[in-house]
Amino acid sequence: GYTNASLEGMRKTVQAWTAWRNYGLQTGDFKEAYKFISKNFTDEQKTYDFDTRLYKKGGWIVGGDVHGYEFHGEPINHGGGKYKWKFFMAWPHLIYIEADGEHYKEVVNKDYENNWYMMTLHHDGNRWLIDSVEFLDMKGEKNEE
């Protein structure tokens, strides 16, 4: 399983997290996705909280189900139980729609090729936890997601 302190356990954790994160984007329910992130990964927690509030107010997100995560190469051991793993996130756009259906914010992926990220994670003795996900600026531009 994904609790094993092995590379296979890490892979299964990452696969489960991406599935539960996409589920949360579609439903506003990030309860399962929360289980895969460390308490220090506050940016991700803020994203979950924002999206959850949108759904609770009657709003919704279009495009949340089309986030594809393509992990490349093997995870790199950085010592002290920390690993980094590079991945490409494929996504065309997201539309955040308020409950009234009239007010919305669209976030468009303007440069599809510039979507590389680095995930940092560790095993806490019981399970793998994701500590951070950082945008890898390949072209000197800011990512809007």
Foldseek 3Di string as FASTA:
>chain_A
DLQDLDQVVVVVLVVQLLVLQLVCLAQLDNPVNVVAADPQAVVVVVVSVVQNVQVVQQKHKPQSNVWDKAWDDGWDDPDPQKTKTKIFIAGAKMKTAHNVRPDIDIFGDPDRVQGMWMWMWGNPPGHIHTHYIGRDGPPPDDHPD
